[in-house]
Amino acid sequence: MEDQGIIHLYLQRSQQAISETKNKYGAYCRAIARNILSNLADVEECENDAYLAAWNAIPPHRPRKLSVFLGRLTRNIALDRHGYNTAKKRNREFDVILTELEGCLAAPDTVETEYEVGELANAINQFLYALDEQARNLFIRRYWHSDSIEELSIRFNMSGSKAKSLLFRTRNKLRVHLDRERG
């Protein structure tokens, strides 16, 4: 079923919307959650929570791109779960991903307003649009989809060391770009 048809089912409050969403985007949502969480039960729970969040958000919200909307919901739910699980030290792989970006971004207590967060997001978007396609896709797959280095090397047909090197250089470029933006 096409995305607009699925959204129409949500707007009609038809329970079929959930099953159609699961059929079309279940594997996508699970992949996002699995890259952040290490526990299969948590992954399944995040997937189901994403469907519930979509049910609660549509209406009044009508997403322009259903896959992006579901991806964002799933990722945010998985990040919340990761925060909960981190207290128990269950998933080291995602901690590595967060540590990689730590040097590029300001400390959380320096970003005090939504305006500043929006400005940071705009600066990162500008940076990403300026990158070549491979670097941009590699960066997004690592830091949005939380793909492992092994998964990236397979997806982009490169060695793990080359993927790490490209990510390292891209993070350094991002750091310089953000420093310039902050003035």
N, C-alpha and C. Protein backbone atom coordinates (compact mmCIF):
# COMPACT_ATOMS: atom_id res chain seq x y z
N MET A 1 0.85 -1.18 0.00
CA MET A 1 0.00 0.00 0.00
C MET A 1 0.89 1.24 0.00
N GLU A 2 0.45 2.25 -0.71
CA GLU A 2 1.20 3.51 -0.78
C GLU A 2 1.07 4.28 0.53
N ASP A 3 2.05 5.15 0.77
CA ASP A 3 2.09 5.92 2.01
C ASP A 3 0.82 6.75 2.23
N GLN A 4 0.33 7.40 1.18
CA GLN A 4 -0.85 8.24 1.34
C GLN A 4 -2.07 7.40 1.74
N GLY A 5 -2.13 6.17 1.25
CA GLY A 5 -3.21 5.26 1.64
C GLY A 5 -3.12 4.89 3.11
N ILE A 6 -1.90 4.65 3.57
CA ILE A 6 -1.69 4.31 4.98
C ILE A 6 -2.06 5.51 5.85
N ILE A 7 -1.62 6.69 5.45
CA ILE A 7 -1.95 7.90 6.22
C ILE A 7 -3.46 8.11 6.25
N HIS A 8 -4.11 7.86 5.13
CA HIS A 8 -5.57 7.98 5.07
C HIS A 8 -6.23 7.03 6.07
N LEU A 9 -5.69 5.81 6.21
CA LEU A 9 -6.23 4.86 7.19
C LEU A 9 -6.07 5.40 8.61
N TYR A 10 -4.92 6.03 8.89
CA TYR A 10 -4.73 6.64 10.21
C TYR A 10 -5.76 7.74 10.43
N LEU A 11 -5.96 8.58 9.42
CA LEU A 11 -6.90 9.68 9.55
C LEU A 11 -8.33 9.18 9.78
N GLN A 12 -8.66 8.01 9.22
CA GLN A 12 -9.98 7.40 9.42
C GLN A 12 -10.05 6.63 10.73
N ARG A 13 -8.90 6.53 11.44
CA ARG A 13 -8.77 5.78 12.70
C ARG A 13 -9.04 4.29 12.48
N SER A 14 -8.62 3.78 11.32
CA SER A 14 -8.78 2.37 10.99
C SER A 14 -7.59 1.59 11.57
N GLN A 15 -7.89 0.50 12.27
CA GLN A 15 -6.83 -0.34 12.86
C GLN A 15 -5.95 -0.97 11.79
N GLN A 16 -6.46 -1.03 10.57
CA GLN A 16 -5.67 -1.58 9.47
C GLN A 16 -4.41 -0.74 9.21
N ALA A 17 -4.43 0.52 9.63
CA ALA A 17 -3.27 1.40 9.45
C ALA A 17 -2.02 0.81 10.11
N ILE A 18 -2.21 0.24 11.30
CA ILE A 18 -1.07 -0.35 12.02
C ILE A 18 -0.52 -1.55 11.26
N SER A 19 -1.37 -2.44 10.81
CA SER A 19 -0.89 -3.63 10.11
C SER A 19 -0.24 -3.25 8.78
N GLU A 20 -0.79 -2.27 8.07
CA GLU A 20 -0.17 -1.82 6.82
C GLU A 20 1.18 -1.16 7.07
N THR A 21 1.26 -0.40 8.16
CA THR A 21 2.52 0.23 8.53
C THR A 21 3.56 -0.84 8.85
N LYS A 22 3.15 -1.83 9.61
CA LYS A 22 4.07 -2.91 9.99
C LYS A 22 4.53 -3.68 8.76
N ASN A 23 3.61 -3.96 7.84
CA ASN A 23 3.98 -4.69 6.62
C ASN A 23 5.00 -3.92 5.79
N LYS A 24 4.81 -2.61 5.68
CA LYS A 24 5.68 -1.82 4.80
C LYS A 24 6.95 -1.35 5.50
N TYR A 25 6.85 -0.98 6.77
CA TYR A 25 7.97 -0.34 7.45
C TYR A 25 8.48 -1.07 8.68
N GLY A 26 7.96 -2.26 8.95
CA GLY A 26 8.40 -2.99 10.14
C GLY A 26 9.89 -3.28 10.16
N ALA A 27 10.43 -3.79 9.06
CA ALA A 27 11.86 -4.11 9.00
C ALA A 27 12.70 -2.84 9.15
N TYR A 28 12.25 -1.75 8.55
CA TYR A 28 12.95 -0.46 8.63
C TYR A 28 12.99 0.03 10.08
N CYS A 29 11.87 -0.01 10.76
CA CYS A 29 11.81 0.44 12.16
C CYS A 29 12.66 -0.46 13.06
N ARG A 30 12.58 -1.77 12.84
CA ARG A 30 13.39 -2.69 13.64
C ARG A 30 14.88 -2.46 13.42
N ALA A 31 15.28 -2.19 12.19
CA ALA A 31 16.70 -1.95 11.90
C ALA A 31 17.20 -0.71 12.64
N ILE A 32 16.41 0.34 12.65
CA ILE A 32 16.81 1.56 13.37
C ILE A 32 16.95 1.26 14.86
N ALA A 33 15.96 0.61 15.43
CA ALA A 33 16.00 0.30 16.86
C ALA A 33 17.13 -0.67 17.19
N ARG A 34 17.35 -1.66 16.33
CA ARG A 34 18.40 -2.67 16.57
C ARG A 34 19.79 -2.04 16.54
N ASN A 35 19.98 -1.01 15.74
CA ASN A 35 21.28 -0.36 15.69
C ASN A 35 21.57 0.47 16.93
N ILE A 36 20.55 0.78 17.68
CA ILE A 36 20.73 1.56 18.91
C ILE A 36 20.70 0.65 20.14
N LEU A 37 19.86 -0.35 20.09
CA LEU A 37 19.66 -1.24 21.24
C LEU A 37 20.24 -2.63 20.97
N SER A 38 20.62 -3.32 22.02
CA SER A 38 21.21 -4.64 21.83
C SER A 38 20.25 -5.78 22.19
N ASN A 39 19.14 -5.45 22.77
CA ASN A 39 18.21 -6.46 23.25
C ASN A 39 17.03 -6.58 22.27
N LEU A 40 16.80 -7.79 21.77
CA LEU A 40 15.73 -8.02 20.78
C LEU A 40 14.35 -7.64 21.33
N ALA A 41 14.11 -7.93 22.60
CA ALA A 41 12.82 -7.58 23.19
C ALA A 41 12.63 -6.06 23.21
N ASP A 42 13.70 -5.31 23.50
CA ASP A 42 13.62 -3.85 23.47
C ASP A 42 13.36 -3.34 22.06
N VAL A 43 13.98 -3.99 21.08
CA VAL A 43 13.79 -3.60 19.67
C VAL A 43 12.32 -3.76 19.29
N GLU A 44 11.75 -4.91 19.63
CA GLU A 44 10.34 -5.16 19.31
C GLU A 44 9.42 -4.18 20.04
N GLU A 45 9.76 -3.88 21.28
CA GLU A 45 8.95 -2.93 22.05
C GLU A 45 9.03 -1.53 21.44
N CYS A 46 10.21 -1.13 20.99
CA CYS A 46 10.35 0.18 20.33
C CYS A 46 9.54 0.23 19.04
N GLU A 47 9.57 -0.86 18.28
CA GLU A 47 8.79 -0.90 17.04
C GLU A 47 7.31 -0.70 17.36
N ASN A 48 6.81 -1.45 18.32
CA ASN A 48 5.40 -1.33 18.69
C ASN A 48 5.07 0.05 19.25
N ASP A 49 5.99 0.60 20.05
CA ASP A 49 5.77 1.94 20.59
C ASP A 49 5.74 2.99 19.47
N ALA A 50 6.52 2.76 18.42
CA ALA A 50 6.52 3.69 17.28
C ALA A 50 5.16 3.66 16.58
N TYR A 51 4.58 2.47 16.44
CA TYR A 51 3.25 2.38 15.83
C TYR A 51 2.22 3.10 16.69
N LEU A 52 2.32 2.94 18.00
CA LEU A 52 1.39 3.63 18.90
C LEU A 52 1.60 5.15 18.81
N ALA A 53 2.85 5.58 18.76
CA ALA A 53 3.13 7.01 18.64
C ALA A 53 2.58 7.57 17.33
N ALA A 54 2.71 6.80 16.25
CA ALA A 54 2.15 7.23 14.96
C ALA A 54 0.63 7.33 15.06
N TRP A 55 0.02 6.34 15.70
CA TRP A 55 -1.44 6.33 15.88
C TRP A 55 -1.89 7.58 16.64
N ASN A 56 -1.13 7.94 17.68
CA ASN A 56 -1.48 9.10 18.49
C ASN A 56 -1.19 10.43 17.80
N ALA A 57 -0.23 10.43 16.86
CA ALA A 57 0.17 11.68 16.21
C ALA A 57 -0.62 11.98 14.93
N ILE A 58 -1.16 10.93 14.31
CA ILE A 58 -1.92 11.11 13.06
C ILE A 58 -3.37 10.79 13.35
N PRO A 59 -4.32 11.65 13.25
CA PRO A 59 -4.20 13.08 13.23
C PRO A 59 -3.81 13.61 14.61
N PRO A 60 -3.51 14.83 14.77
CA PRO A 60 -3.68 15.96 13.89
C PRO A 60 -2.52 16.11 12.89
N HIS A 61 -1.35 15.55 13.21
CA HIS A 61 -0.21 15.71 12.31
C HIS A 61 -0.41 14.83 11.08
N ARG A 62 -0.01 15.36 9.93
CA ARG A 62 -0.08 14.59 8.68
C ARG A 62 1.33 14.61 8.07
N PRO A 63 2.09 13.53 8.25
CA PRO A 63 3.48 13.54 7.78
C PRO A 63 3.58 13.63 6.26
N ARG A 64 4.58 14.38 5.81
CA ARG A 64 4.83 14.49 4.36
C ARG A 64 5.48 13.22 3.83
N LYS A 65 6.38 12.64 4.61
CA LYS A 65 7.08 11.43 4.20
C LYS A 65 6.97 10.44 5.36
N LEU A 66 6.16 9.43 5.19
CA LEU A 66 5.86 8.49 6.26
C LEU A 66 7.10 7.76 6.75
N SER A 67 8.00 7.38 5.86
CA SER A 67 9.19 6.64 6.28
C SER A 67 10.05 7.49 7.21
N VAL A 68 10.23 8.76 6.90
CA VAL A 68 11.04 9.65 7.74
C VAL A 68 10.34 9.85 9.09
N PHE A 69 9.05 10.04 9.05
CA PHE A 69 8.26 10.22 10.27
C PHE A 69 8.39 9.01 11.19
N LEU A 70 8.21 7.81 10.64
CA LEU A 70 8.33 6.59 11.44
C LEU A 70 9.76 6.37 11.91
N GLY A 71 10.72 6.69 11.05
CA GLY A 71 12.12 6.56 11.44
C GLY A 71 12.47 7.45 12.61
N ARG A 72 11.98 8.69 12.57
CA ARG A 72 12.24 9.62 13.67
C ARG A 72 11.57 9.15 14.96
N LEU A 73 10.33 8.70 14.86
CA LEU A 73 9.65 8.19 16.05
C LEU A 73 10.41 7.01 16.64
N THR A 74 10.78 6.06 15.79
CA THR A 74 11.47 4.86 16.26
C THR A 74 12.81 5.22 16.88
N ARG A 75 13.54 6.09 16.22
CA ARG A 75 14.86 6.48 16.73
C ARG A 75 14.74 7.17 18.09
N ASN A 76 13.80 8.09 18.23
CA ASN A 76 13.63 8.79 19.50
C ASN A 76 13.22 7.83 20.62
N ILE A 77 12.35 6.89 20.30
CA ILE A 77 11.93 5.91 21.30
C ILE A 77 13.12 5.02 21.68
N ALA A 78 13.89 4.60 20.68
CA ALA A 78 15.07 3.76 20.94
C ALA A 78 16.12 4.52 21.75
N LEU A 79 16.29 5.80 21.46
CA LEU A 79 17.25 6.60 22.24
C LEU A 79 16.80 6.73 23.69
N ASP A 80 15.50 6.92 23.91
CA ASP A 80 14.98 6.96 25.27
C ASP A 80 15.23 5.64 25.98
N ARG A 81 14.99 4.54 25.28
CA ARG A 81 15.23 3.21 25.85
C ARG A 81 16.72 3.02 26.14
N HIS A 82 17.56 3.49 25.22
CA HIS A 82 19.00 3.39 25.42
C HIS A 82 19.42 4.15 26.68
N GLY A 83 18.85 5.34 26.87
CA GLY A 83 19.14 6.10 28.08
C GLY A 83 18.78 5.33 29.33
N TYR A 84 17.65 4.67 29.29
CA TYR A 84 17.22 3.85 30.41
C TYR A 84 18.19 2.68 30.61
N ASN A 85 18.54 2.03 29.51
CA ASN A 85 19.43 0.86 29.58
C ASN A 85 20.86 1.22 29.94
N THR A 86 21.29 2.42 29.60
CA THR A 86 22.67 2.82 29.85
C THR A 86 23.01 2.76 31.33
N ALA A 87 22.03 3.04 32.14
CA ALA A 87 22.27 2.96 33.58
C ALA A 87 22.70 1.55 33.96
N LYS A 88 22.31 0.58 33.18
CA LYS A 88 22.66 -0.82 33.44
C LYS A 88 23.82 -1.29 32.56
N LYS A 89 24.36 -0.37 31.73
CA LYS A 89 25.53 -0.66 30.88
C LYS A 89 25.32 -1.86 29.98
N ARG A 90 24.20 -1.86 29.20
CA ARG A 90 23.89 -3.02 28.37
C ARG A 90 24.41 -2.91 26.93
N ASN A 91 24.60 -1.70 26.39
CA ASN A 91 24.95 -1.58 24.98
C ASN A 91 26.13 -0.65 24.80
N ARG A 92 27.28 -1.20 24.53
CA ARG A 92 28.50 -0.42 24.36
C ARG A 92 28.63 0.16 22.95
N GLU A 93 28.11 -0.54 21.93
CA GLU A 93 28.28 -0.10 20.53
C GLU A 93 27.69 1.28 20.30
N PHE A 94 26.49 1.53 20.80
CA PHE A 94 25.88 2.84 20.58
C PHE A 94 26.61 3.92 21.37
N ASP A 95 27.15 3.57 22.53
CA ASP A 95 27.95 4.53 23.29
C ASP A 95 29.16 5.00 22.47
N VAL A 96 29.75 4.08 21.70
CA VAL A 96 30.88 4.43 20.85
C VAL A 96 30.45 5.46 19.81
N ILE A 97 29.29 5.26 19.20
CA ILE A 97 28.78 6.19 18.19
C ILE A 97 28.58 7.58 18.80
N LEU A 98 27.99 7.64 19.99
CA LEU A 98 27.77 8.92 20.63
C LEU A 98 29.08 9.59 20.99
N THR A 99 30.06 8.82 21.43
CA THR A 99 31.37 9.36 21.78
C THR A 99 32.06 9.96 20.56
N GLU A 100 31.89 9.33 19.40
CA GLU A 100 32.51 9.83 18.18
C GLU A 100 32.05 11.26 17.86
N LEU A 101 30.79 11.55 18.08
CA LEU A 101 30.24 12.86 17.76
C LEU A 101 30.44 13.88 18.88
N GLU A 102 30.78 13.41 20.05
CA GLU A 102 30.88 14.27 21.22
C GLU A 102 31.78 15.49 21.00
N GLY A 103 32.90 15.28 20.32
CA GLY A 103 33.84 16.37 20.12
C GLY A 103 33.35 17.43 19.15
N CYS A 104 32.36 17.11 18.34
CA CYS A 104 31.86 18.07 17.34
C CYS A 104 30.81 19.00 17.92
N LEU A 105 30.09 18.55 18.89
CA LEU A 105 28.94 19.29 19.40
C LEU A 105 29.26 19.93 20.73
N ALA A 106 28.60 21.02 21.00
CA ALA A 106 28.78 21.70 22.27
C ALA A 106 28.21 20.86 23.39
N ALA A 107 28.67 21.11 24.58
CA ALA A 107 28.15 20.42 25.74
C ALA A 107 26.67 20.74 25.89
N PRO A 108 25.86 19.76 26.37
CA PRO A 108 24.41 19.98 26.45
C PRO A 108 24.02 21.21 27.25
N ASP A 109 24.79 21.57 28.27
CA ASP A 109 24.38 22.71 29.08
C ASP A 109 24.68 24.05 28.42
N THR A 110 25.40 24.06 27.29
CA THR A 110 25.63 25.33 26.59
C THR A 110 24.52 25.63 25.59
N VAL A 111 23.73 24.65 25.25
CA VAL A 111 22.61 24.86 24.33
C VAL A 111 21.36 24.98 25.19
N GLU A 112 21.01 26.22 25.49
CA GLU A 112 19.98 26.44 26.50
C GLU A 112 18.59 26.73 25.94
N THR A 113 18.49 27.06 24.68
CA THR A 113 17.18 27.41 24.16
C THR A 113 16.87 26.63 22.90
N GLU A 114 15.60 26.53 22.58
CA GLU A 114 15.19 25.86 21.35
C GLU A 114 15.74 26.57 20.13
N TYR A 115 15.86 27.85 20.21
CA TYR A 115 16.41 28.62 19.09
C TYR A 115 17.83 28.16 18.77
N GLU A 116 18.65 28.02 19.80
CA GLU A 116 20.02 27.59 19.60
C GLU A 116 20.08 26.17 19.06
N VAL A 117 19.18 25.31 19.51
CA VAL A 117 19.12 23.95 18.99
C VAL A 117 18.76 23.98 17.51
N GLY A 118 17.80 24.81 17.15
CA GLY A 118 17.41 24.96 15.75
C GLY A 118 18.56 25.49 14.90
N GLU A 119 19.31 26.44 15.42
CA GLU A 119 20.46 26.98 14.71
C GLU A 119 21.53 25.91 14.51
N LEU A 120 21.74 25.09 15.52
CA LEU A 120 22.70 23.99 15.40
C LEU A 120 22.25 23.00 14.34
N ALA A 121 20.97 22.67 14.33
CA ALA A 121 20.43 21.75 13.33
C ALA A 121 20.60 22.33 11.93
N ASN A 122 20.34 23.63 11.77
CA ASN A 122 20.53 24.27 10.47
C ASN A 122 21.99 24.23 10.03
N ALA A 123 22.89 24.46 10.97
CA ALA A 123 24.32 24.44 10.64
C ALA A 123 24.75 23.04 10.22
N ILE A 124 24.26 22.02 10.90
CA ILE A 124 24.60 20.64 10.54
C ILE A 124 24.01 20.30 9.18
N ASN A 125 22.78 20.72 8.93
CA ASN A 125 22.17 20.47 7.61
C ASN A 125 22.96 21.15 6.49
N GLN A 126 23.38 22.39 6.70
CA GLN A 126 24.20 23.08 5.71
C GLN A 126 25.48 22.30 5.45
N PHE A 127 26.10 21.84 6.51
CA PHE A 127 27.33 21.07 6.39
C PHE A 127 27.09 19.79 5.58
N LEU A 128 26.02 19.08 5.91
CA LEU A 128 25.74 17.82 5.21
C LEU A 128 25.46 18.05 3.72
N TYR A 129 24.74 19.11 3.39
CA TYR A 129 24.45 19.38 1.98
C TYR A 129 25.71 19.74 1.20
N ALA A 130 26.72 20.26 1.89
CA ALA A 130 27.97 20.63 1.22
C ALA A 130 28.89 19.43 0.98
N LEU A 131 28.64 18.32 1.65
CA LEU A 131 29.47 17.13 1.49
C LEU A 131 29.18 16.43 0.17
N ASP A 132 30.17 15.66 -0.30
CA ASP A 132 29.89 14.81 -1.46
C ASP A 132 28.93 13.71 -1.01
N GLU A 133 28.28 13.10 -1.97
CA GLU A 133 27.20 12.16 -1.68
C GLU A 133 27.65 10.98 -0.81
N GLN A 134 28.80 10.41 -1.12
CA GLN A 134 29.27 9.25 -0.36
C GLN A 134 29.54 9.62 1.10
N ALA A 135 30.24 10.72 1.32
CA ALA A 135 30.55 11.15 2.69
C ALA A 135 29.27 11.45 3.46
N ARG A 136 28.33 12.13 2.79
CA ARG A 136 27.05 12.46 3.44
C ARG A 136 26.29 11.19 3.82
N ASN A 137 26.18 10.24 2.88
CA ASN A 137 25.45 9.01 3.16
C ASN A 137 26.12 8.18 4.23
N LEU A 138 27.44 8.12 4.21
CA LEU A 138 28.19 7.40 5.23
C LEU A 138 27.93 8.00 6.61
N PHE A 139 28.01 9.34 6.68
CA PHE A 139 27.79 10.06 7.93
C PHE A 139 26.37 9.82 8.46
N ILE A 140 25.39 9.92 7.59
CA ILE A 140 24.00 9.74 8.00
C ILE A 140 23.75 8.30 8.42
N ARG A 141 24.27 7.34 7.68
CA ARG A 141 24.08 5.93 8.06
C ARG A 141 24.70 5.64 9.42
N ARG A 142 25.84 6.26 9.72
CA ARG A 142 26.50 6.02 11.00
C ARG A 142 25.79 6.73 12.15
N TYR A 143 25.51 8.02 11.97
CA TYR A 143 25.04 8.81 13.10
C TYR A 143 23.54 9.01 13.16
N TRP A 144 22.80 8.69 12.13
CA TRP A 144 21.34 8.71 12.22
C TRP A 144 20.81 7.29 12.35
N HIS A 145 21.26 6.40 11.46
CA HIS A 145 20.78 5.02 11.48
C HIS A 145 21.59 4.14 12.42
N SER A 146 22.71 4.65 12.92
CA SER A 146 23.56 3.94 13.89
C SER A 146 24.12 2.64 13.33
N ASP A 147 24.44 2.62 12.04
CA ASP A 147 25.04 1.43 11.45
C ASP A 147 26.44 1.22 12.02
N SER A 148 26.83 -0.04 12.16
CA SER A 148 28.17 -0.37 12.63
C SER A 148 29.17 -0.12 11.50
N ILE A 149 30.44 -0.07 11.85
CA ILE A 149 31.49 0.11 10.84
C ILE A 149 31.45 -1.05 9.86
N GLU A 150 31.22 -2.25 10.36
CA GLU A 150 31.13 -3.42 9.47
C GLU A 150 29.97 -3.27 8.48
N GLU A 151 28.82 -2.85 8.95
CA GLU A 151 27.68 -2.65 8.06
C GLU A 151 27.97 -1.56 7.03
N LEU A 152 28.65 -0.50 7.45
CA LEU A 152 28.99 0.57 6.52
C LEU A 152 29.96 0.10 5.45
N SER A 153 30.96 -0.69 5.86
CA SER A 153 31.95 -1.15 4.89
C SER A 153 31.30 -2.05 3.85
N ILE A 154 30.34 -2.85 4.25
CA ILE A 154 29.62 -3.71 3.31
C ILE A 154 28.73 -2.85 2.40
N ARG A 155 27.96 -1.95 2.99
CA ARG A 155 27.02 -1.12 2.23
C ARG A 155 27.73 -0.25 1.21
N PHE A 156 28.90 0.31 1.59
CA PHE A 156 29.60 1.24 0.71
C PHE A 156 30.80 0.61 -0.01
N ASN A 157 30.92 -0.71 0.13
CA ASN A 157 31.95 -1.47 -0.58
C ASN A 157 33.34 -0.89 -0.33
N MET A 158 33.70 -0.77 0.94
CA MET A 158 35.01 -0.24 1.32
C MET A 158 35.47 -0.96 2.58
N SER A 159 36.74 -0.86 2.85
CA SER A 159 37.27 -1.51 4.05
C SER A 159 36.77 -0.76 5.29
N GLY A 160 36.80 -1.44 6.41
CA GLY A 160 36.41 -0.82 7.66
C GLY A 160 37.31 0.35 8.01
N SER A 161 38.61 0.22 7.73
CA SER A 161 39.54 1.30 8.06
C SER A 161 39.27 2.53 7.19
N LYS A 162 38.88 2.32 5.94
CA LYS A 162 38.55 3.46 5.08
C LYS A 162 37.28 4.15 5.58
N ALA A 163 36.28 3.36 5.99
CA ALA A 163 35.05 3.95 6.53
C ALA A 163 35.36 4.76 7.78
N LYS A 164 36.18 4.21 8.68
CA LYS A 164 36.56 4.93 9.90
C LYS A 164 37.29 6.23 9.56
N SER A 165 38.18 6.14 8.59
CA SER A 165 38.97 7.31 8.20
C SER A 165 38.07 8.40 7.61
N LEU A 166 37.14 8.01 6.72
CA LEU A 166 36.22 8.99 6.15
C LEU A 166 35.34 9.63 7.22
N LEU A 167 34.87 8.83 8.15
CA LEU A 167 34.05 9.38 9.23
C LEU A 167 34.87 10.32 10.11
N PHE A 168 36.11 9.96 10.39
CA PHE A 168 36.98 10.80 11.21
C PHE A 168 37.18 12.16 10.54
N ARG A 169 37.50 12.14 9.24
CA ARG A 169 37.71 13.39 8.51
C ARG A 169 36.43 14.21 8.44
N THR A 170 35.30 13.54 8.26
CA THR A 170 34.02 14.26 8.18
C THR A 170 33.69 14.89 9.53
N ARG A 171 33.93 14.18 10.61
CA ARG A 171 33.69 14.76 11.95
C ARG A 171 34.58 15.98 12.17
N ASN A 172 35.84 15.90 11.74
CA ASN A 172 36.75 17.05 11.89
C ASN A 172 36.25 18.23 11.07
N LYS A 173 35.77 17.98 9.86
CA LYS A 173 35.21 19.05 9.03
C LYS A 173 33.98 19.65 9.71
N LEU A 174 33.15 18.79 10.29
CA LEU A 174 31.96 19.27 10.99
C LEU A 174 32.37 20.15 12.17
N ARG A 175 33.36 19.73 12.92
CA ARG A 175 33.83 20.51 14.07
C ARG A 175 34.27 21.91 13.61
N VAL A 176 35.05 21.98 12.53
CA VAL A 176 35.52 23.26 12.00
C VAL A 176 34.33 24.10 11.53
N HIS A 177 33.40 23.47 10.82
CA HIS A 177 32.20 24.19 10.33
C HIS A 177 31.40 24.77 11.49
N LEU A 178 31.19 23.97 12.53
CA LEU A 178 30.41 24.45 13.66
C LEU A 178 31.14 25.54 14.43
N ASP A 179 32.47 25.43 14.54
CA ASP A 179 33.24 26.49 15.19
C ASP A 179 33.09 27.81 14.45
N ARG A 180 33.12 27.74 13.10
CA ARG A 180 32.94 28.96 12.29
C ARG A 180 31.54 29.52 12.49
N GLU A 181 30.54 28.66 12.55
CA GLU A 181 29.15 29.11 12.71
C GLU A 181 28.93 29.77 14.07
N ARG A 182 29.60 29.26 15.07
CA ARG A 182 29.45 29.83 16.43
C ARG A 182 30.16 31.18 16.55
N GLY A 183 31.08 31.41 15.63
CA GLY A 183 31.77 32.69 15.57
C GLY A 183 32.88 32.74 16.51
